[in-house]
Amino acid sequence: MKVYYDDEVDALYLKLGDEIPEGAIEISEGVNIDTTSKDKIVGIEILNASKKIDLKTILSYTLEFDKDLITQKTD
């Protein structure tokens, strides 16, 4: 997933895949789901993003690892 934010227009885009969207479904005013022709979700666009979500949570990240997976790979 890639996250793009344009502060000039206050728009956030979450790119969920490499496919090119062929359509969009508006799920609420200013929130659109980009889809392929086979209804695969490839992106989410949020207009007026700072008014709809806390941008600090989406523009920062934390990595969490399953200790069991790390142990299995190093054994």
PDB file of N, CA and C in Angstrom:
ATOM      1  N   MET A   1       0.849  -1.178   0.000  1.00  0.00           N
ATOM      2  CA  MET A   1       0.000   0.000   0.000  1.00  0.00           C
ATOM      3  C   MET A   1       0.891   1.236   0.000  1.00  0.00           C
ATOM      4  N   LYS A   2       0.516   2.197  -0.789  1.00  0.00           N
ATOM      5  CA  LYS A   2       1.193   3.484  -0.829  1.00  0.00           C
ATOM      6  C   LYS A   2       0.179   4.559  -0.451  1.00  0.00           C
ATOM      7  N   VAL A   3       0.673   5.566   0.273  1.00  0.00           N
ATOM      8  CA  VAL A   3      -0.195   6.652   0.733  1.00  0.00           C
ATOM      9  C   VAL A   3       0.297   7.951   0.118  1.00  0.00           C
ATOM     10  N   TYR A   4      -0.625   8.678  -0.489  1.00  0.00           N
ATOM     11  CA  TYR A   4      -0.312   9.977  -1.088  1.00  0.00           C
ATOM     12  C   TYR A   4      -1.224  11.026  -0.451  1.00  0.00           C
ATOM     13  N   TYR A   5      -0.641  12.153  -0.078  1.00  0.00           N
ATOM     14  CA  TYR A   5      -1.450  13.247   0.467  1.00  0.00           C
ATOM     15  C   TYR A   5      -1.064  14.537  -0.221  1.00  0.00           C
ATOM     16  N   ASP A   6      -2.048  15.253  -0.723  1.00  0.00           N
ATOM     17  CA  ASP A   6      -1.840  16.553  -1.358  1.00  0.00           C
ATOM     18  C   ASP A   6      -2.442  17.611  -0.442  1.00  0.00           C
ATOM     19  N   ASP A   7      -1.561  18.338   0.264  1.00  0.00           N
ATOM     20  CA  ASP A   7      -2.053  19.324   1.237  1.00  0.00           C
ATOM     21  C   ASP A   7      -2.663  20.552   0.582  1.00  0.00           C
ATOM     22  N   GLU A   8      -2.347  20.811  -0.689  1.00  0.00           N
ATOM     23  CA  GLU A   8      -2.940  21.964  -1.374  1.00  0.00           C
ATOM     24  C   GLU A   8      -4.439  21.786  -1.579  1.00  0.00           C
ATOM     25  N   VAL A   9      -4.864  20.558  -1.832  1.00  0.00           N
ATOM     26  CA  VAL A   9      -6.287  20.300  -2.060  1.00  0.00           C
ATOM     27  C   VAL A   9      -6.892  19.432  -0.953  1.00  0.00           C
ATOM     28  N   ASP A  10      -6.070  19.065   0.034  1.00  0.00           N
ATOM     29  CA  ASP A  10      -6.508  18.254   1.178  1.00  0.00           C
ATOM     30  C   ASP A  10      -7.122  16.935   0.719  1.00  0.00           C
ATOM     31  N   ALA A  11      -6.371  16.225  -0.137  1.00  0.00           N
ATOM     32  CA  ALA A  11      -6.834  14.945  -0.665  1.00  0.00           C
ATOM     33  C   ALA A  11      -5.843  13.845  -0.297  1.00  0.00           C
ATOM     34  N   LEU A  12      -6.378  12.728   0.141  1.00  0.00           N
ATOM     35  CA  LEU A  12      -5.581  11.565   0.521  1.00  0.00           C
ATOM     36  C   LEU A  12      -5.914  10.431  -0.427  1.00  0.00           C
ATOM     37  N   TYR A  13      -4.892   9.716  -0.888  1.00  0.00           N
ATOM     38  CA  TYR A  13      -5.125   8.561  -1.752  1.00  0.00           C
ATOM     39  C   TYR A  13      -4.356   7.377  -1.215  1.00  0.00           C
ATOM     40  N   LEU A  14      -5.050   6.277  -1.021  1.00  0.00           N
ATOM     41  CA  LEU A  14      -4.438   5.020  -0.597  1.00  0.00           C
ATOM     42  C   LEU A  14      -4.409   4.102  -1.813  1.00  0.00           C
ATOM     43  N   LYS A  15      -3.212   3.850  -2.316  1.00  0.00           N
ATOM     44  CA  LYS A  15      -3.061   2.989  -3.491  1.00  0.00           C
ATOM     45  C   LYS A  15      -2.858   1.563  -2.997  1.00  0.00           C
ATOM     46  N   LEU A  16      -3.773   0.682  -3.351  1.00  0.00           N
ATOM     47  CA  LEU A  16      -3.774  -0.675  -2.824  1.00  0.00           C
ATOM     48  C   LEU A  16      -3.235  -1.716  -3.794  1.00  0.00           C
ATOM     49  N   GLY A  17      -2.929  -1.316  -4.999  1.00  0.00           N
ATOM     50  CA  GLY A  17      -2.411  -2.259  -5.985  1.00  0.00           C
ATOM     51  C   GLY A  17      -1.863  -1.525  -7.183  1.00  0.00           C
ATOM     52  N   ASP A  18      -1.281  -2.287  -8.105  1.00  0.00           N
ATOM     53  CA  ASP A  18      -0.685  -1.686  -9.295  1.00  0.00           C
ATOM     54  C   ASP A  18      -1.644  -1.592 -10.472  1.00  0.00           C
ATOM     55  N   GLU A  19      -2.804  -2.220 -10.341  1.00  0.00           N
ATOM     56  CA  GLU A  19      -3.775  -2.176 -11.421  1.00  0.00           C
ATOM     57  C   GLU A  19      -4.305  -0.752 -11.607  1.00  0.00           C
ATOM     58  N   ILE A  20      -4.665  -0.447 -12.842  1.00  0.00           N
ATOM     59  CA  ILE A  20      -5.222   0.867 -13.162  1.00  0.00           C
ATOM     60  C   ILE A  20      -6.722   0.832 -12.892  1.00  0.00           C
ATOM     61  N   PRO A  21      -7.224   1.778 -12.089  1.00  0.00           N
ATOM     62  CA  PRO A  21      -8.667   1.777 -11.835  1.00  0.00           C
ATOM     63  C   PRO A  21      -9.452   2.095 -13.099  1.00  0.00           C
ATOM     64  N   GLU A  22     -10.587   1.427 -13.221  1.00  0.00           N
ATOM     65  CA  GLU A  22     -11.447   1.637 -14.377  1.00  0.00           C
ATOM     66  C   GLU A  22     -12.783   2.247 -13.979  1.00  0.00           C
ATOM     67  N   GLY A  23     -12.990   2.409 -12.702  1.00  0.00           N
ATOM     68  CA  GLY A  23     -14.235   2.995 -12.230  1.00  0.00           C
ATOM     69  C   GLY A  23     -14.090   3.375 -10.768  1.00  0.00           C
ATOM     70  N   ALA A  24     -15.086   4.071 -10.266  1.00  0.00           N
ATOM     71  CA  ALA A  24     -15.069   4.493  -8.869  1.00  0.00           C
ATOM     72  C   ALA A  24     -16.468   4.368  -8.290  1.00  0.00           C
ATOM     73  N   ILE A  25     -16.504   4.019  -7.027  1.00  0.00           N
ATOM     74  CA  ILE A  25     -17.770   3.927  -6.302  1.00  0.00           C
ATOM     75  C   ILE A  25     -17.705   4.944  -5.173  1.00  0.00           C
ATOM     76  N   GLU A  26     -18.631   5.898  -5.176  1.00  0.00           N
ATOM     77  CA  GLU A  26     -18.675   6.882  -4.098  1.00  0.00           C
ATOM     78  C   GLU A  26     -19.436   6.265  -2.929  1.00  0.00           C
ATOM     79  N   ILE A  27     -18.733   6.075  -1.793  1.00  0.00           N
ATOM     80  CA  ILE A  27     -19.389   5.453  -0.641  1.00  0.00           C
ATOM     81  C   ILE A  27     -19.959   6.486   0.322  1.00  0.00           C
ATOM     82  N   SER A  28     -19.433   7.699   0.259  1.00  0.00           N
ATOM     83  CA  SER A  28     -20.022   8.848   0.947  1.00  0.00           C
ATOM     84  C   SER A  28     -19.451  10.083   0.276  1.00  0.00           C
ATOM     85  N   GLU A  29     -19.965  11.244   0.618  1.00  0.00           N
ATOM     86  CA  GLU A  29     -19.520  12.458  -0.059  1.00  0.00           C
ATOM     87  C   GLU A  29     -18.018  12.641   0.115  1.00  0.00           C
ATOM     88  N   GLY A  30     -17.286  12.619  -1.005  1.00  0.00           N
ATOM     89  CA  GLY A  30     -15.857  12.828  -0.991  1.00  0.00           C
ATOM     90  C   GLY A  30     -15.029  11.605  -0.633  1.00  0.00           C
ATOM     91  N   VAL A  31     -15.649  10.435  -0.566  1.00  0.00           N
ATOM     92  CA  VAL A  31     -14.912   9.192  -0.307  1.00  0.00           C
ATOM     93  C   VAL A  31     -15.244   8.222  -1.434  1.00  0.00           C
ATOM     94  N   ASN A  32     -14.213   7.896  -2.218  1.00  0.00           N
ATOM     95  CA  ASN A  32     -14.408   7.062  -3.401  1.00  0.00           C
ATOM     96  C   ASN A  32     -13.516   5.826  -3.354  1.00  0.00           C
ATOM     97  N   ILE A  33     -14.061   4.715  -3.789  1.00  0.00           N
ATOM     98  CA  ILE A  33     -13.323   3.467  -3.905  1.00  0.00           C
ATOM     99  C   ILE A  33     -13.042   3.248  -5.385  1.00  0.00           C
ATOM    100  N   ASP A  34     -11.768   3.167  -5.754  1.00  0.00           N
ATOM    101  CA  ASP A  34     -11.402   2.904  -7.140  1.00  0.00           C
ATOM    102  C   ASP A  34     -11.368   1.400  -7.365  1.00  0.00           C
ATOM    103  N   THR A  35     -11.981   0.966  -8.472  1.00  0.00           N
ATOM    104  CA  THR A  35     -12.084  -0.461  -8.765  1.00  0.00           C
ATOM    105  C   THR A  35     -11.672  -0.764 -10.202  1.00  0.00           C
ATOM    106  N   THR A  36     -11.358  -2.037 -10.430  1.00  0.00           N
ATOM    107  CA  THR A  36     -11.118  -2.522 -11.788  1.00  0.00           C
ATOM    108  C   THR A  36     -12.452  -2.960 -12.379  1.00  0.00           C
ATOM    109  N   SER A  37     -12.416  -3.403 -13.611  1.00  0.00           N
ATOM    110  CA  SER A  37     -13.641  -3.884 -14.253  1.00  0.00           C
ATOM    111  C   SER A  37     -14.157  -5.168 -13.612  1.00  0.00           C
ATOM    112  N   LYS A  38     -13.302  -5.849 -12.852  1.00  0.00           N
ATOM    113  CA  LYS A  38     -13.704  -7.077 -12.157  1.00  0.00           C
ATOM    114  C   LYS A  38     -14.010  -6.810 -10.686  1.00  0.00           C
ATOM    115  N   ASP A  39     -14.263  -5.532 -10.353  1.00  0.00           N
ATOM    116  CA  ASP A  39     -14.627  -5.102  -8.996  1.00  0.00           C
ATOM    117  C   ASP A  39     -13.533  -5.318  -7.949  1.00  0.00           C
ATOM    118  N   LYS A  40     -12.288  -5.390  -8.367  1.00  0.00           N
ATOM    119  CA  LYS A  40     -11.175  -5.458  -7.428  1.00  0.00           C
ATOM    120  C   LYS A  40     -10.870  -4.040  -6.942  1.00  0.00           C
ATOM    121  N   ILE A  41     -10.751  -3.861  -5.634  1.00  0.00           N
ATOM    122  CA  ILE A  41     -10.463  -2.537  -5.064  1.00  0.00           C
ATOM    123  C   ILE A  41      -8.967  -2.263  -5.207  1.00  0.00           C
ATOM    124  N   VAL A  42      -8.632  -1.141  -5.855  1.00  0.00           N
ATOM    125  CA  VAL A  42      -7.228  -0.797  -6.079  1.00  0.00           C
ATOM    126  C   VAL A  42      -6.837   0.537  -5.458  1.00  0.00           C
ATOM    127  N   GLY A  43      -7.817   1.275  -4.921  1.00  0.00           N
ATOM    128  CA  GLY A  43      -7.473   2.553  -4.309  1.00  0.00           C
ATOM    129  C   GLY A  43      -8.653   3.156  -3.569  1.00  0.00           C
ATOM    130  N   ILE A  44      -8.318   4.044  -2.654  1.00  0.00           N
ATOM    131  CA  ILE A  44      -9.326   4.778  -1.888  1.00  0.00           C
ATOM    132  C   ILE A  44      -8.935   6.248  -1.906  1.00  0.00           C
ATOM    133  N   GLU A  45      -9.855   7.096  -2.344  1.00  0.00           N
ATOM    134  CA  GLU A  45      -9.628   8.538  -2.394  1.00  0.00           C
ATOM    135  C   GLU A  45     -10.515   9.211  -1.344  1.00  0.00           C
ATOM    136  N   ILE A  46      -9.896  10.103  -0.558  1.00  0.00           N
ATOM    137  CA  ILE A  46     -10.648  10.846   0.455  1.00  0.00           C
ATOM    138  C   ILE A  46     -10.398  12.331   0.235  1.00  0.00           C
ATOM    139  N   LEU A  47     -11.444  13.048  -0.151  1.00  0.00           N
ATOM    140  CA  LEU A  47     -11.358  14.493  -0.339  1.00  0.00           C
ATOM    141  C   LEU A  47     -11.698  15.185   0.977  1.00  0.00           C
ATOM    142  N   ASN A  48     -11.137  16.372   1.197  1.00  0.00           N
ATOM    143  CA  ASN A  48     -11.271  17.062   2.487  1.00  0.00           C
ATOM    144  C   ASN A  48     -10.842  16.132   3.621  1.00  0.00           C
ATOM    145  N   ALA A  49      -9.719  15.476   3.393  1.00  0.00           N
ATOM    146  CA  ALA A  49      -9.259  14.400   4.274  1.00  0.00           C
ATOM    147  C   ALA A  49      -9.044  14.845   5.711  1.00  0.00           C
ATOM    148  N   SER A  50      -8.492  16.031   5.906  1.00  0.00           N
ATOM    149  CA  SER A  50      -8.190  16.468   7.274  1.00  0.00           C
ATOM    150  C   SER A  50      -9.451  16.671   8.109  1.00  0.00           C
ATOM    151  N   LYS A  51     -10.588  16.818   7.445  1.00  0.00           N
ATOM    152  CA  LYS A  51     -11.851  16.974   8.162  1.00  0.00           C
ATOM    153  C   LYS A  51     -12.520  15.627   8.438  1.00  0.00           C
ATOM    154  N   LYS A  52     -12.042  14.565   7.765  1.00  0.00           N
ATOM    155  CA  LYS A  52     -12.692  13.260   7.879  1.00  0.00           C
ATOM    156  C   LYS A  52     -11.908  12.256   8.716  1.00  0.00           C
ATOM    157  N   ILE A  53     -10.579  12.400   8.761  1.00  0.00           N
ATOM    158  CA  ILE A  53      -9.753  11.470   9.522  1.00  0.00           C
ATOM    159  C   ILE A  53      -8.605  12.223  10.178  1.00  0.00           C
ATOM    160  N   ASP A  54      -7.984  11.592  11.146  1.00  0.00           N
ATOM    161  CA  ASP A  54      -6.796  12.154  11.781  1.00  0.00           C
ATOM    162  C   ASP A  54      -5.595  11.807  10.896  1.00  0.00           C
ATOM    163  N   LEU A  55      -5.088  12.784  10.166  1.00  0.00           N
ATOM    164  CA  LEU A  55      -4.010  12.531   9.219  1.00  0.00           C
ATOM    165  C   LEU A  55      -2.746  12.005   9.885  1.00  0.00           C
ATOM    166  N   LYS A  56      -2.528  12.344  11.140  1.00  0.00           N
ATOM    167  CA  LYS A  56      -1.330  11.858  11.832  1.00  0.00           C
ATOM    168  C   LYS A  56      -1.310  10.333  11.893  1.00  0.00           C
ATOM    169  N   THR A  57      -2.476   9.721  12.024  1.00  0.00           N
ATOM    170  CA  THR A  57      -2.508   8.264  12.115  1.00  0.00           C
ATOM    171  C   THR A  57      -2.261   7.599  10.775  1.00  0.00           C
ATOM    172  N   ILE A  58      -2.644   8.238   9.698  1.00  0.00           N
ATOM    173  CA  ILE A  58      -2.486   7.623   8.380  1.00  0.00           C
ATOM    174  C   ILE A  58      -1.134   7.962   7.761  1.00  0.00           C
ATOM    175  N   LEU A  59      -0.565   9.099   8.126  1.00  0.00           N
ATOM    176  CA  LEU A  59       0.708   9.515   7.538  1.00  0.00           C
ATOM    177  C   LEU A  59       1.912   9.086   8.369  1.00  0.00           C
ATOM    178  N   SER A  60       1.672   8.332   9.424  1.00  0.00           N
ATOM    179  CA  SER A  60       2.753   7.716  10.186  1.00  0.00           C
ATOM    180  C   SER A  60       2.465   6.225  10.221  1.00  0.00           C
ATOM    181  N   TYR A  61       3.451   5.429  10.553  1.00  0.00           N
ATOM    182  CA  TYR A  61       3.220   3.996  10.552  1.00  0.00           C
ATOM    183  C   TYR A  61       4.032   3.311  11.635  1.00  0.00           C
ATOM    184  N   THR A  62       3.588   2.132  11.972  1.00  0.00           N
ATOM    185  CA  THR A  62       4.269   1.285  12.933  1.00  0.00           C
ATOM    186  C   THR A  62       4.347  -0.108  12.340  1.00  0.00           C
ATOM    187  N   LEU A  63       5.492  -0.726  12.462  1.00  0.00           N
ATOM    188  CA  LEU A  63       5.636  -2.096  11.991  1.00  0.00           C
ATOM    189  C   LEU A  63       5.543  -3.032  13.188  1.00  0.00           C
ATOM    190  N   GLU A  64       4.699  -4.030  13.071  1.00  0.00           N
ATOM    191  CA  GLU A  64       4.576  -5.038  14.114  1.00  0.00           C
ATOM    192  C   GLU A  64       4.884  -6.383  13.495  1.00  0.00           C
ATOM    193  N   PHE A  65       5.685  -7.173  14.193  1.00  0.00           N
ATOM    194  CA  PHE A  65       6.064  -8.477  13.689  1.00  0.00           C
ATOM    195  C   PHE A  65       5.559  -9.560  14.630  1.00  0.00           C
ATOM    196  N   ASP A  66       5.129 -10.647  14.054  1.00  0.00           N
ATOM    197  CA  ASP A  66       4.719 -11.812  14.816  1.00  0.00           C
ATOM    198  C   ASP A  66       5.994 -12.523  15.258  1.00  0.00           C
ATOM    199  N   LYS A  67       6.223 -12.605  16.559  1.00  0.00           N
ATOM    200  CA  LYS A  67       7.452 -13.215  17.079  1.00  0.00           C
ATOM    201  C   LYS A  67       7.620 -14.643  16.606  1.00  0.00           C
ATOM    202  N   ASP A  68       6.527 -15.376  16.456  1.00  0.00           N
ATOM    203  CA  ASP A  68       6.613 -16.759  15.986  1.00  0.00           C
ATOM    204  C   ASP A  68       7.152 -16.830  14.564  1.00  0.00           C
ATOM    205  N   LEU A  69       6.770 -15.894  13.723  1.00  0.00           N
ATOM    206  CA  LEU A  69       7.264 -15.893  12.349  1.00  0.00           C
ATOM    207  C   LEU A  69       8.752 -15.575  12.301  1.00  0.00           C
ATOM    208  N   ILE A  70       9.182 -14.642  13.120  1.00  0.00           N
ATOM    209  CA  ILE A  70      10.606 -14.289  13.145  1.00  0.00           C
ATOM    210  C   ILE A  70      11.418 -15.462  13.653  1.00  0.00           C
ATOM    211  N   THR A  71      10.961 -16.147  14.688  1.00  0.00           N
ATOM    212  CA  THR A  71      11.656 -17.291  15.258  1.00  0.00           C
ATOM    213  C   THR A  71      11.758 -18.423  14.241  1.00  0.00           C
ATOM    214  N   GLN A  72      10.695 -18.663  13.488  1.00  0.00           N
ATOM    215  CA  GLN A  72      10.692 -19.734  12.505  1.00  0.00           C
ATOM    216  C   GLN A  72      11.709 -19.487  11.401  1.00  0.00           C
ATOM    217  N   LYS A  73      11.881 -18.249  10.992  1.00  0.00           N
ATOM    218  CA  LYS A  73      12.808 -17.941   9.901  1.00  0.00           C
ATOM    219  C   LYS A  73      14.262 -18.008  10.352  1.00  0.00           C
ATOM    220  N   THR A  74      14.527 -17.790  11.626  1.00  0.00           N
ATOM    221  CA  THR A  74      15.918 -17.787  12.090  1.00  0.00           C
ATOM    222  C   THR A  74      16.359 -19.151  12.599  1.00  0.00           C
ATOM    223  N   ASP A  75      15.448 -20.094  12.760  1.00  0.00           N
ATOM    224  CA  ASP A  75      15.815 -21.438  13.240  1.00  0.00           C
ATOM    225  C   ASP A  75      16.387 -22.289  12.139  1.00  0.00           C
TER     226      ASP A  75
END
